[in-house]
Amino acid sequence: MMYDHDDDLDRALRALPLEPLPDGLRASIMAAVAAVPEPILTRVETFGVGLILALGTWLALLSAGSGWSVGKTVANVASAFGHALVTPAALEWLGVGIACALCLSLVSLPRRATAGR
């Protein structure tokens, strides 16, 4: 059984008095829905926390071994890092990464509209 005669119900619902919307309701809803939340930490703070954690991990691993010398270890790490950066494969990947970053920075992506800004 189908009931397709809602005309009386529709008329009754439209006849009900509606309360006016509060001022700024639409703007506050749009701001809550469309606004992108701000990050908790800035890029510099995130880099600093990562650097501190990396150095702490490195020092913990170094101190776990016996008979280590700080000067000799720092020299060995710096030398290995320098040699790793000048290999052809590392330079190729560095070039690919820079090219990708440039291409992505040139692409124009649509931004979400933010209400109230």
PDB file of N, CA and C in Angstrom:
ATOM      1  N   MET A   1       0.848  -1.170   0.000  1.00  0.00           N
ATOM      2  CA  MET A   1       0.000   0.000   0.000  1.00  0.00           C
ATOM      3  C   MET A   1       0.895   1.235   0.000  1.00  0.00           C
ATOM      4  N   MET A   2       0.635   2.131  -0.917  1.00  0.00           N
ATOM      5  CA  MET A   2       1.420   3.356  -1.009  1.00  0.00           C
ATOM      6  C   MET A   2       0.532   4.537  -0.677  1.00  0.00           C
ATOM      7  N   TYR A   3       1.143   5.461   0.037  1.00  0.00           N
ATOM      8  CA  TYR A   3       0.407   6.664   0.415  1.00  0.00           C
ATOM      9  C   TYR A   3       1.118   7.847  -0.218  1.00  0.00           C
ATOM     10  N   ASP A   4       0.547   8.418  -1.264  1.00  0.00           N
ATOM     11  CA  ASP A   4       1.180   9.494  -2.016  1.00  0.00           C
ATOM     12  C   ASP A   4       0.495  10.840  -1.839  1.00  0.00           C
ATOM     13  N   HIS A   5      -0.374  10.952  -0.871  1.00  0.00           N
ATOM     14  CA  HIS A   5      -1.143  12.189  -0.731  1.00  0.00           C
ATOM     15  C   HIS A   5      -0.706  12.922   0.533  1.00  0.00           C
ATOM     16  N   ASP A   6       0.425  13.620   0.450  1.00  0.00           N
ATOM     17  CA  ASP A   6       0.944  14.367   1.590  1.00  0.00           C
ATOM     18  C   ASP A   6       0.638  15.849   1.481  1.00  0.00           C
ATOM     19  N   ASP A   7      -0.255  16.240   0.617  1.00  0.00           N
ATOM     20  CA  ASP A   7      -0.534  17.661   0.414  1.00  0.00           C
ATOM     21  C   ASP A   7      -1.040  18.322   1.682  1.00  0.00           C
ATOM     22  N   ASP A   8      -1.944  17.675   2.401  1.00  0.00           N
ATOM     23  CA  ASP A   8      -2.472  18.269   3.642  1.00  0.00           C
ATOM     24  C   ASP A   8      -1.377  18.394   4.694  1.00  0.00           C
ATOM     25  N   LEU A   9      -0.546  17.386   4.803  1.00  0.00           N
ATOM     26  CA  LEU A   9       0.558  17.427   5.762  1.00  0.00           C
ATOM     27  C   LEU A   9       1.562  18.515   5.394  1.00  0.00           C
ATOM     28  N   ASP A  10       1.886  18.647   4.111  1.00  0.00           N
ATOM     29  CA  ASP A  10       2.803  19.696   3.663  1.00  0.00           C
ATOM     30  C   ASP A  10       2.250  21.080   3.965  1.00  0.00           C
ATOM     31  N   ARG A  11       0.961  21.283   3.724  1.00  0.00           N
ATOM     32  CA  ARG A  11       0.346  22.586   4.022  1.00  0.00           C
ATOM     33  C   ARG A  11       0.386  22.880   5.512  1.00  0.00           C
ATOM     34  N   ALA A  12       0.152  21.876   6.338  1.00  0.00           N
ATOM     35  CA  ALA A  12       0.164  22.073   7.793  1.00  0.00           C
ATOM     36  C   ALA A  12       1.585  22.407   8.287  1.00  0.00           C
ATOM     37  N   LEU A  13       2.572  21.740   7.730  1.00  0.00           N
ATOM     38  CA  LEU A  13       3.955  22.020   8.143  1.00  0.00           C
ATOM     39  C   LEU A  13       4.391  23.415   7.711  1.00  0.00           C
ATOM     40  N   ARG A  14       3.985  23.841   6.513  1.00  0.00           N
ATOM     41  CA  ARG A  14       4.353  25.181   6.053  1.00  0.00           C
ATOM     42  C   ARG A  14       3.619  26.263   6.817  1.00  0.00           C
ATOM     43  N   ALA A  15       2.493  25.953   7.400  1.00  0.00           N
ATOM     44  CA  ALA A  15       1.726  26.945   8.146  1.00  0.00           C
ATOM     45  C   ALA A  15       2.274  27.176   9.551  1.00  0.00           C
ATOM     46  N   LEU A  16       3.165  26.302  10.017  1.00  0.00           N
ATOM     47  CA  LEU A  16       3.729  26.474  11.362  1.00  0.00           C
ATOM     48  C   LEU A  16       4.614  27.712  11.410  1.00  0.00           C
ATOM     49  N   PRO A  17       4.502  28.499  12.494  1.00  0.00           N
ATOM     50  CA  PRO A  17       5.382  29.665  12.609  1.00  0.00           C
ATOM     51  C   PRO A  17       6.802  29.213  12.976  1.00  0.00           C
ATOM     52  N   LEU A  18       7.792  29.731  12.257  1.00  0.00           N
ATOM     53  CA  LEU A  18       9.182  29.374  12.510  1.00  0.00           C
ATOM     54  C   LEU A  18       9.875  30.489  13.272  1.00  0.00           C
ATOM     55  N   GLU A  19      10.752  30.089  14.156  1.00  0.00           N
ATOM     56  CA  GLU A  19      11.528  31.069  14.922  1.00  0.00           C
ATOM     57  C   GLU A  19      12.669  31.573  14.049  1.00  0.00           C
ATOM     58  N   PRO A  20      12.956  32.881  14.092  1.00  0.00           N
ATOM     59  CA  PRO A  20      14.054  33.391  13.257  1.00  0.00           C
ATOM     60  C   PRO A  20      15.411  32.859  13.749  1.00  0.00           C
ATOM     61  N   LEU A  21      16.339  32.715  12.806  1.00  0.00           N
ATOM     62  CA  LEU A  21      17.670  32.211  13.144  1.00  0.00           C
ATOM     63  C   LEU A  21      18.449  33.267  13.930  1.00  0.00           C
ATOM     64  N   PRO A  22      19.285  32.826  14.881  1.00  0.00           N
ATOM     65  CA  PRO A  22      20.133  33.788  15.599  1.00  0.00           C
ATOM     66  C   PRO A  22      21.148  34.431  14.660  1.00  0.00           C
ATOM     67  N   ASP A  23      21.565  35.631  15.022  1.00  0.00           N
ATOM     68  CA  ASP A  23      22.552  36.336  14.208  1.00  0.00           C
ATOM     69  C   ASP A  23      23.880  35.590  14.230  1.00  0.00           C
ATOM     70  N   GLY A  24      24.491  35.442  13.069  1.00  0.00           N
ATOM     71  CA  GLY A  24      25.807  34.826  12.964  1.00  0.00           C
ATOM     72  C   GLY A  24      25.807  33.315  12.980  1.00  0.00           C
ATOM     73  N   LEU A  25      24.631  32.675  12.971  1.00  0.00           N
ATOM     74  CA  LEU A  25      24.581  31.212  13.013  1.00  0.00           C
ATOM     75  C   LEU A  25      25.179  30.601  11.747  1.00  0.00           C
ATOM     76  N   ARG A  26      24.778  31.126  10.602  1.00  0.00           N
ATOM     77  CA  ARG A  26      25.285  30.588   9.347  1.00  0.00           C
ATOM     78  C   ARG A  26      26.792  30.773   9.244  1.00  0.00           C
ATOM     79  N   ALA A  27      27.303  31.933   9.621  1.00  0.00           N
ATOM     80  CA  ALA A  27      28.745  32.193   9.548  1.00  0.00           C
ATOM     81  C   ALA A  27      29.518  31.277  10.489  1.00  0.00           C
ATOM     82  N   SER A  28      28.976  31.035  11.685  1.00  0.00           N
ATOM     83  CA  SER A  28      29.693  30.168  12.627  1.00  0.00           C
ATOM     84  C   SER A  28      29.690  28.713  12.155  1.00  0.00           C
ATOM     85  N   ILE A  29      28.605  28.269  11.536  1.00  0.00           N
ATOM     86  CA  ILE A  29      28.571  26.907  11.002  1.00  0.00           C
ATOM     87  C   ILE A  29      29.556  26.770   9.853  1.00  0.00           C
ATOM     88  N   MET A  30      29.581  27.749   8.963  1.00  0.00           N
ATOM     89  CA  MET A  30      30.512  27.693   7.833  1.00  0.00           C
ATOM     90  C   MET A  30      31.964  27.753   8.307  1.00  0.00           C
ATOM     91  N   ALA A  31      32.235  28.565   9.322  1.00  0.00           N
ATOM     92  CA  ALA A  31      33.601  28.651   9.836  1.00  0.00           C
ATOM     93  C   ALA A  31      34.037  27.333  10.472  1.00  0.00           C
ATOM     94  N   ALA A  32      33.116  26.662  11.163  1.00  0.00           N
ATOM     95  CA  ALA A  32      33.466  25.394  11.806  1.00  0.00           C
ATOM     96  C   ALA A  32      33.661  24.283  10.789  1.00  0.00           C
ATOM     97  N   VAL A  33      32.927  24.334   9.695  1.00  0.00           N
ATOM     98  CA  VAL A  33      33.001  23.271   8.697  1.00  0.00           C
ATOM     99  C   VAL A  33      34.158  23.494   7.727  1.00  0.00           C
ATOM    100  N   ALA A  34      34.354  24.737   7.287  1.00  0.00           N
ATOM    101  CA  ALA A  34      35.309  25.008   6.212  1.00  0.00           C
ATOM    102  C   ALA A  34      36.691  25.387   6.709  1.00  0.00           C
ATOM    103  N   ALA A  35      36.845  25.749   7.962  1.00  0.00           N
ATOM    104  CA  ALA A  35      38.147  26.203   8.459  1.00  0.00           C
ATOM    105  C   ALA A  35      39.092  25.015   8.621  1.00  0.00           C
ATOM    106  N   VAL A  36      40.316  25.192   8.183  1.00  0.00           N
ATOM    107  CA  VAL A  36      41.349  24.174   8.340  1.00  0.00           C
ATOM    108  C   VAL A  36      42.033  24.408   9.685  1.00  0.00           C
ATOM    109  N   PRO A  37      42.130  23.390  10.542  1.00  0.00           N
ATOM    110  CA  PRO A  37      42.763  23.601  11.845  1.00  0.00           C
ATOM    111  C   PRO A  37      44.244  23.937  11.703  1.00  0.00           C
ATOM    112  N   GLU A  38      44.710  24.794  12.571  1.00  0.00           N
ATOM    113  CA  GLU A  38      46.125  25.188  12.570  1.00  0.00           C
ATOM    114  C   GLU A  38      46.958  24.067  13.179  1.00  0.00           C
ATOM    115  N   PRO A  39      48.187  23.861  12.700  1.00  0.00           N
ATOM    116  CA  PRO A  39      49.033  22.824  13.295  1.00  0.00           C
ATOM    117  C   PRO A  39      49.447  23.198  14.722  1.00  0.00           C
ATOM    118  N   ILE A  40      49.715  22.194  15.505  1.00  0.00           N
ATOM    119  CA  ILE A  40      50.081  22.422  16.903  1.00  0.00           C
ATOM    120  C   ILE A  40      51.471  23.034  16.996  1.00  0.00           C
ATOM    121  N   LEU A  41      52.418  22.513  16.230  1.00  0.00           N
ATOM    122  CA  LEU A  41      53.792  23.010  16.248  1.00  0.00           C
ATOM    123  C   LEU A  41      54.125  23.630  14.897  1.00  0.00           C
ATOM    124  N   THR A  42      54.992  24.639  14.925  1.00  0.00           N
ATOM    125  CA  THR A  42      55.467  25.220  13.673  1.00  0.00           C
ATOM    126  C   THR A  42      56.515  24.288  13.064  1.00  0.00           C
ATOM    127  N   ARG A  43      56.919  24.578  11.843  1.00  0.00           N
ATOM    128  CA  ARG A  43      57.921  23.732  11.186  1.00  0.00           C
ATOM    129  C   ARG A  43      59.255  23.771  11.925  1.00  0.00           C
ATOM    130  N   VAL A  44      59.624  24.941  12.411  1.00  0.00           N
ATOM    131  CA  VAL A  44      60.900  25.069  13.131  1.00  0.00           C
ATOM    132  C   VAL A  44      60.864  24.253  14.415  1.00  0.00           C
ATOM    133  N   GLU A  45      59.731  24.314  15.141  1.00  0.00           N
ATOM    134  CA  GLU A  45      59.624  23.542  16.376  1.00  0.00           C
ATOM    135  C   GLU A  45      59.643  22.044  16.089  1.00  0.00           C
ATOM    136  N   THR A  46      58.972  21.613  15.039  1.00  0.00           N
ATOM    137  CA  THR A  46      58.975  20.202  14.674  1.00  0.00           C
ATOM    138  C   THR A  46      60.380  19.741  14.308  1.00  0.00           C
ATOM    139  N   PHE A  47      61.094  20.550  13.530  1.00  0.00           N
ATOM    140  CA  PHE A  47      62.476  20.225  13.178  1.00  0.00           C
ATOM    141  C   PHE A  47      63.351  20.159  14.429  1.00  0.00           C
ATOM    142  N   GLY A  48      63.162  21.088  15.358  1.00  0.00           N
ATOM    143  CA  GLY A  48      63.950  21.096  16.596  1.00  0.00           C
ATOM    144  C   GLY A  48      63.700  19.857  17.445  1.00  0.00           C
ATOM    145  N   VAL A  49      62.435  19.473  17.566  1.00  0.00           N
ATOM    146  CA  VAL A  49      62.112  18.272  18.353  1.00  0.00           C
ATOM    147  C   VAL A  49      62.719  17.034  17.691  1.00  0.00           C
ATOM    148  N   GLY A  50      62.622  16.953  16.358  1.00  0.00           N
ATOM    149  CA  GLY A  50      63.216  15.814  15.648  1.00  0.00           C
ATOM    150  C   GLY A  50      64.720  15.769  15.800  1.00  0.00           C
ATOM    151  N   LEU A  51      65.366  16.934  15.741  1.00  0.00           N
ATOM    152  CA  LEU A  51      66.815  16.999  15.903  1.00  0.00           C
ATOM    153  C   LEU A  51      67.230  16.574  17.309  1.00  0.00           C
ATOM    154  N   ILE A  52      66.524  17.043  18.310  1.00  0.00           N
ATOM    155  CA  ILE A  52      66.839  16.671  19.693  1.00  0.00           C
ATOM    156  C   ILE A  52      66.656  15.165  19.895  1.00  0.00           C
ATOM    157  N   LEU A  53      65.565  14.601  19.355  1.00  0.00           N
ATOM    158  CA  LEU A  53      65.342  13.158  19.496  1.00  0.00           C
ATOM    159  C   LEU A  53      66.403  12.351  18.745  1.00  0.00           C
ATOM    160  N   ALA A  54      66.799  12.828  17.558  1.00  0.00           N
ATOM    161  CA  ALA A  54      67.827  12.111  16.797  1.00  0.00           C
ATOM    162  C   ALA A  54      69.173  12.151  17.524  1.00  0.00           C
ATOM    163  N   LEU A  55      69.546  13.304  18.041  1.00  0.00           N
ATOM    164  CA  LEU A  55      70.810  13.402  18.772  1.00  0.00           C
ATOM    165  C   LEU A  55      70.784  12.578  20.056  1.00  0.00           C
ATOM    166  N   GLY A  56      69.647  12.589  20.732  1.00  0.00           N
ATOM    167  CA  GLY A  56      69.534  11.775  21.951  1.00  0.00           C
ATOM    168  C   GLY A  56      69.648  10.295  21.663  1.00  0.00           C
ATOM    169  N   THR A  57      69.016   9.850  20.579  1.00  0.00           N
ATOM    170  CA  THR A  57      69.115   8.446  20.190  1.00  0.00           C
ATOM    171  C   THR A  57      70.537   8.082  19.805  1.00  0.00           C
ATOM    172  N   TRP A  58      71.176   8.971  19.050  1.00  0.00           N
ATOM    173  CA  TRP A  58      72.549   8.716  18.632  1.00  0.00           C
ATOM    174  C   TRP A  58      73.485   8.618  19.842  1.00  0.00           C
ATOM    175  N   LEU A  59      73.346   9.547  20.780  1.00  0.00           N
ATOM    176  CA  LEU A  59      74.190   9.505  21.976  1.00  0.00           C
ATOM    177  C   LEU A  59      73.898   8.276  22.836  1.00  0.00           C
ATOM    178  N   ALA A  60      72.636   7.870  22.910  1.00  0.00           N
ATOM    179  CA  ALA A  60      72.302   6.670  23.686  1.00  0.00           C
ATOM    180  C   ALA A  60      72.919   5.429  23.061  1.00  0.00           C
ATOM    181  N   LEU A  61      72.895   5.361  21.735  1.00  0.00           N
ATOM    182  CA  LEU A  61      73.506   4.206  21.073  1.00  0.00           C
ATOM    183  C   LEU A  61      75.025   4.226  21.210  1.00  0.00           C
ATOM    184  N   LEU A  62      75.615   5.410  21.187  1.00  0.00           N
ATOM    185  CA  LEU A  62      77.062   5.497  21.347  1.00  0.00           C
ATOM    186  C   LEU A  62      77.497   5.119  22.761  1.00  0.00           C
ATOM    187  N   SER A  63      76.723   5.551  23.738  1.00  0.00           N
ATOM    188  CA  SER A  63      77.121   5.272  25.117  1.00  0.00           C
ATOM    189  C   SER A  63      76.881   3.815  25.483  1.00  0.00           C
ATOM    190  N   ALA A  64      76.052   3.111  24.696  1.00  0.00           N
ATOM    191  CA  ALA A  64      75.816   1.696  24.983  1.00  0.00           C
ATOM    192  C   ALA A  64      77.069   0.863  24.707  1.00  0.00           C
ATOM    193  N   GLY A  65      77.889   1.298  23.740  1.00  0.00           N
ATOM    194  CA  GLY A  65      79.132   0.587  23.445  1.00  0.00           C
ATOM    195  C   GLY A  65      80.194   0.939  24.484  1.00  0.00           C
ATOM    196  N   SER A  66      81.234   0.178  24.496  1.00  0.00           N
ATOM    197  CA  SER A  66      82.281   0.438  25.489  1.00  0.00           C
ATOM    198  C   SER A  66      83.493   1.081  24.816  1.00  0.00           C
ATOM    199  N   GLY A  67      84.162   1.963  25.538  1.00  0.00           N
ATOM    200  CA  GLY A  67      85.406   2.566  25.088  1.00  0.00           C
ATOM    201  C   GLY A  67      85.262   3.472  23.879  1.00  0.00           C
ATOM    202  N   TRP A  68      84.293   4.334  23.865  1.00  0.00           N
ATOM    203  CA  TRP A  68      84.121   5.209  22.711  1.00  0.00           C
ATOM    204  C   TRP A  68      84.709   6.581  22.993  1.00  0.00           C
ATOM    205  N   SER A  69      85.186   7.190  21.969  1.00  0.00           N
ATOM    206  CA  SER A  69      85.743   8.524  22.068  1.00  0.00           C
ATOM    207  C   SER A  69      84.847   9.476  21.272  1.00  0.00           C
ATOM    208  N   VAL A  70      84.440  10.571  21.875  1.00  0.00           N
ATOM    209  CA  VAL A  70      83.517  11.507  21.232  1.00  0.00           C
ATOM    210  C   VAL A  70      84.160  12.127  19.996  1.00  0.00           C
ATOM    211  N   GLY A  71      85.387  12.574  20.094  1.00  0.00           N
ATOM    212  CA  GLY A  71      86.051  13.209  18.956  1.00  0.00           C
ATOM    213  C   GLY A  71      86.214  12.279  17.777  1.00  0.00           C
ATOM    214  N   LYS A  72      86.632  11.054  18.072  1.00  0.00           N
ATOM    215  CA  LYS A  72      86.837  10.079  17.001  1.00  0.00           C
ATOM    216  C   LYS A  72      85.495   9.710  16.357  1.00  0.00           C
ATOM    217  N   THR A  73      84.456   9.574  17.160  1.00  0.00           N
ATOM    218  CA  THR A  73      83.136   9.216  16.639  1.00  0.00           C
ATOM    219  C   THR A  73      82.563  10.328  15.778  1.00  0.00           C
ATOM    220  N   VAL A  74      82.681  11.567  16.239  1.00  0.00           N
ATOM    221  CA  VAL A  74      82.166  12.702  15.467  1.00  0.00           C
ATOM    222  C   VAL A  74      82.922  12.827  14.151  1.00  0.00           C
ATOM    223  N   ALA A  75      84.219  12.630  14.182  1.00  0.00           N
ATOM    224  CA  ALA A  75      85.007  12.704  12.953  1.00  0.00           C
ATOM    225  C   ALA A  75      84.609  11.600  11.983  1.00  0.00           C
ATOM    226  N   ASN A  76      84.420  10.398  12.476  1.00  0.00           N
ATOM    227  CA  ASN A  76      84.017   9.281  11.617  1.00  0.00           C
ATOM    228  C   ASN A  76      82.632   9.514  11.008  1.00  0.00           C
ATOM    229  N   VAL A  77      81.693  10.005  11.810  1.00  0.00           N
ATOM    230  CA  VAL A  77      80.339  10.251  11.319  1.00  0.00           C
ATOM    231  C   VAL A  77      80.347  11.369  10.282  1.00  0.00           C
ATOM    232  N   ALA A  78      81.076  12.440  10.551  1.00  0.00           N
ATOM    233  CA  ALA A  78      81.155  13.549   9.598  1.00  0.00           C
ATOM    234  C   ALA A  78      81.804  13.103   8.295  1.00  0.00           C
ATOM    235  N   SER A  79      82.822  12.315   8.383  1.00  0.00           N
ATOM    236  CA  SER A  79      83.486  11.817   7.178  1.00  0.00           C
ATOM    237  C   SER A  79      82.560  10.911   6.373  1.00  0.00           C
ATOM    238  N   ALA A  80      81.880  10.003   7.038  1.00  0.00           N
ATOM    239  CA  ALA A  80      80.949   9.100   6.350  1.00  0.00           C
ATOM    240  C   ALA A  80      79.802   9.879   5.721  1.00  0.00           C
ATOM    241  N   PHE A  81      79.296  10.892   6.422  1.00  0.00           N
ATOM    242  CA  PHE A  81      78.203  11.717   5.897  1.00  0.00           C
ATOM    243  C   PHE A  81      78.664  12.500   4.668  1.00  0.00           C
ATOM    244  N   GLY A  82      79.857  13.051   4.729  1.00  0.00           N
ATOM    245  CA  GLY A  82      80.391  13.789   3.591  1.00  0.00           C
ATOM    246  C   GLY A  82      80.612  12.906   2.383  1.00  0.00           C
ATOM    247  N   HIS A  83      81.140  11.700   2.601  1.00  0.00           N
ATOM    248  CA  HIS A  83      81.351  10.779   1.490  1.00  0.00           C
ATOM    249  C   HIS A  83      80.023  10.306   0.904  1.00  0.00           C
ATOM    250  N   ALA A  84      79.002  10.140   1.736  1.00  0.00           N
ATOM    251  CA  ALA A  84      77.703   9.673   1.250  1.00  0.00           C
ATOM    252  C   ALA A  84      77.008  10.732   0.400  1.00  0.00           C
ATOM    253  N   LEU A  85      77.251  12.001   0.696  1.00  0.00           N
ATOM    254  CA  LEU A  85      76.575  13.066  -0.049  1.00  0.00           C
ATOM    255  C   LEU A  85      77.154  13.303  -1.435  1.00  0.00           C
ATOM    256  N   VAL A  86      78.389  12.913  -1.672  1.00  0.00           N
ATOM    257  CA  VAL A  86      79.008  13.194  -2.963  1.00  0.00           C
ATOM    258  C   VAL A  86      78.991  12.001  -3.912  1.00  0.00           C
ATOM    259  N   THR A  87      78.309  10.935  -3.554  1.00  0.00           N
ATOM    260  CA  THR A  87      78.193   9.809  -4.481  1.00  0.00           C
ATOM    261  C   THR A  87      77.230  10.190  -5.598  1.00  0.00           C
ATOM    262  N   PRO A  88      77.429   9.654  -6.792  1.00  0.00           N
ATOM    263  CA  PRO A  88      76.537   9.999  -7.910  1.00  0.00           C
ATOM    264  C   PRO A  88      75.065   9.659  -7.642  1.00  0.00           C
ATOM    265  N   ALA A  89      74.822   8.546  -6.989  1.00  0.00           N
ATOM    266  CA  ALA A  89      73.429   8.164  -6.724  1.00  0.00           C
ATOM    267  C   ALA A  89      72.749   9.169  -5.784  1.00  0.00           C
ATOM    268  N   ALA A  90      73.475   9.617  -4.765  1.00  0.00           N
ATOM    269  CA  ALA A  90      72.896  10.593  -3.839  1.00  0.00           C
ATOM    270  C   ALA A  90      72.623  11.917  -4.535  1.00  0.00           C
ATOM    271  N   LEU A  91      73.529  12.335  -5.411  1.00  0.00           N
ATOM    272  CA  LEU A  91      73.315  13.580  -6.139  1.00  0.00           C
ATOM    273  C   LEU A  91      72.147  13.466  -7.113  1.00  0.00           C
ATOM    274  N   GLU A  92      71.976  12.297  -7.733  1.00  0.00           N
ATOM    275  CA  GLU A  92      70.843  12.098  -8.634  1.00  0.00           C
ATOM    276  C   GLU A  92      69.524  12.185  -7.866  1.00  0.00           C
ATOM    277  N   TRP A  93      69.446  11.500  -6.716  1.00  0.00           N
ATOM    278  CA  TRP A  93      68.213  11.540  -5.933  1.00  0.00           C
ATOM    279  C   TRP A  93      67.959  12.935  -5.372  1.00  0.00           C
ATOM    280  N   LEU A  94      69.007  13.653  -5.037  1.00  0.00           N
ATOM    281  CA  LEU A  94      68.843  15.023  -4.583  1.00  0.00           C
ATOM    282  C   LEU A  94      68.253  15.888  -5.704  1.00  0.00           C
ATOM    283  N   GLY A  95      68.742  15.695  -6.929  1.00  0.00           N
ATOM    284  CA  GLY A  95      68.198  16.425  -8.073  1.00  0.00           C
ATOM    285  C   GLY A  95      66.747  16.065  -8.345  1.00  0.00           C
ATOM    286  N   VAL A  96      66.413  14.782  -8.239  1.00  0.00           N
ATOM    287  CA  VAL A  96      65.030  14.360  -8.451  1.00  0.00           C
ATOM    288  C   VAL A  96      64.117  14.960  -7.383  1.00  0.00           C
ATOM    289  N   GLY A  97      64.583  14.973  -6.154  1.00  0.00           N
ATOM    290  CA  GLY A  97      63.774  15.547  -5.075  1.00  0.00           C
ATOM    291  C   GLY A  97      63.538  17.038  -5.252  1.00  0.00           C
ATOM    292  N   ILE A  98      64.577  17.761  -5.653  1.00  0.00           N
ATOM    293  CA  ILE A  98      64.431  19.204  -5.877  1.00  0.00           C
ATOM    294  C   ILE A  98      63.491  19.455  -7.049  1.00  0.00           C
ATOM    295  N   ALA A  99      63.617  18.667  -8.120  1.00  0.00           N
ATOM    296  CA  ALA A  99      62.737  18.835  -9.278  1.00  0.00           C
ATOM    297  C   ALA A  99      61.281  18.556  -8.904  1.00  0.00           C
ATOM    298  N   CYS A 100      61.047  17.515  -8.115  1.00  0.00           N
ATOM    299  CA  CYS A 100      59.684  17.205  -7.677  1.00  0.00           C
ATOM    300  C   CYS A 100      59.118  18.321  -6.812  1.00  0.00           C
ATOM    301  N   ALA A 101      59.931  18.848  -5.910  1.00  0.00           N
ATOM    302  CA  ALA A 101      59.468  19.934  -5.049  1.00  0.00           C
ATOM    303  C   ALA A 101      59.123  21.174  -5.867  1.00  0.00           C
ATOM    304  N   LEU A 102      59.934  21.484  -6.873  1.00  0.00           N
ATOM    305  CA  LEU A 102      59.639  22.638  -7.729  1.00  0.00           C
ATOM    306  C   LEU A 102      58.362  22.425  -8.530  1.00  0.00           C
ATOM    307  N   CYS A 103      58.191  21.224  -9.087  1.00  0.00           N
ATOM    308  CA  CYS A 103      56.976  20.942  -9.858  1.00  0.00           C
ATOM    309  C   CYS A 103      55.729  21.028  -8.982  1.00  0.00           C
ATOM    310  N   LEU A 104      55.794  20.474  -7.799  1.00  0.00           N
ATOM    311  CA  LEU A 104      54.633  20.519  -6.907  1.00  0.00           C
ATOM    312  C   LEU A 104      54.335  21.925  -6.415  1.00  0.00           C
ATOM    313  N   SER A 105      55.367  22.751  -6.268  1.00  0.00           N
ATOM    314  CA  SER A 105      55.119  24.120  -5.815  1.00  0.00           C
ATOM    315  C   SER A 105      54.519  24.976  -6.923  1.00  0.00           C
ATOM    316  N   LEU A 106      54.706  24.579  -8.181  1.00  0.00           N
ATOM    317  CA  LEU A 106      54.150  25.334  -9.300  1.00  0.00           C
ATOM    318  C   LEU A 106      52.722  24.923  -9.647  1.00  0.00           C
ATOM    319  N   VAL A 107      52.270  23.774  -9.167  1.00  0.00           N
ATOM    320  CA  VAL A 107      50.910  23.317  -9.455  1.00  0.00           C
ATOM    321  C   VAL A 107      49.935  24.157  -8.636  1.00  0.00           C
ATOM    322  N   SER A 108      48.890  24.646  -9.295  1.00  0.00           N
ATOM    323  CA  SER A 108      47.891  25.436  -8.571  1.00  0.00           C
ATOM    324  C   SER A 108      46.739  24.525  -8.193  1.00  0.00           C
ATOM    325  N   LEU A 109      46.576  24.293  -6.924  1.00  0.00           N
ATOM    326  CA  LEU A 109      45.490  23.469  -6.414  1.00  0.00           C
ATOM    327  C   LEU A 109      44.421  24.385  -5.827  1.00  0.00           C
ATOM    328  N   PRO A 110      43.144  24.037  -5.999  1.00  0.00           N
ATOM    329  CA  PRO A 110      42.094  24.900  -5.425  1.00  0.00           C
ATOM    330  C   PRO A 110      42.133  24.836  -3.903  1.00  0.00           C
ATOM    331  N   ARG A 111      41.975  25.974  -3.299  1.00  0.00           N
ATOM    332  CA  ARG A 111      41.971  26.037  -1.835  1.00  0.00           C
ATOM    333  C   ARG A 111      40.536  26.029  -1.342  1.00  0.00           C
ATOM    334  N   ARG A 112      40.347  25.485  -0.162  1.00  0.00           N
ATOM    335  CA  ARG A 112      39.000  25.473   0.425  1.00  0.00           C
ATOM    336  C   ARG A 112      38.662  26.866   0.914  1.00  0.00           C
ATOM    337  N   ALA A 113      37.440  27.255   0.692  1.00  0.00           N
ATOM    338  CA  ALA A 113      36.989  28.580   1.129  1.00  0.00           C
ATOM    339  C   ALA A 113      36.824  28.566   2.648  1.00  0.00           C
ATOM    340  N   THR A 114      37.272  29.608   3.289  1.00  0.00           N
ATOM    341  CA  THR A 114      37.109  29.726   4.737  1.00  0.00           C
ATOM    342  C   THR A 114      36.177  30.879   5.020  1.00  0.00           C
ATOM    343  N   ALA A 115      35.171  30.624   5.799  1.00  0.00           N
ATOM    344  CA  ALA A 115      34.204  31.663   6.135  1.00  0.00           C
ATOM    345  C   ALA A 115      34.671  32.421   7.359  1.00  0.00           C
ATOM    346  N   GLY A 116      34.422  33.686   7.375  1.00  0.00           N
ATOM    347  CA  GLY A 116      34.751  34.501   8.533  1.00  0.00           C
ATOM    348  C   GLY A 116      36.170  35.011   8.552  1.00  0.00           C
ATOM    349  N   ARG A 117      36.931  34.839   7.494  1.00  0.00           N
ATOM    350  CA  ARG A 117      38.304  35.324   7.475  1.00  0.00           C
ATOM    351  C   ARG A 117      38.434  36.465   6.517  1.00  0.00           C
TER     352      ARG A 117
END
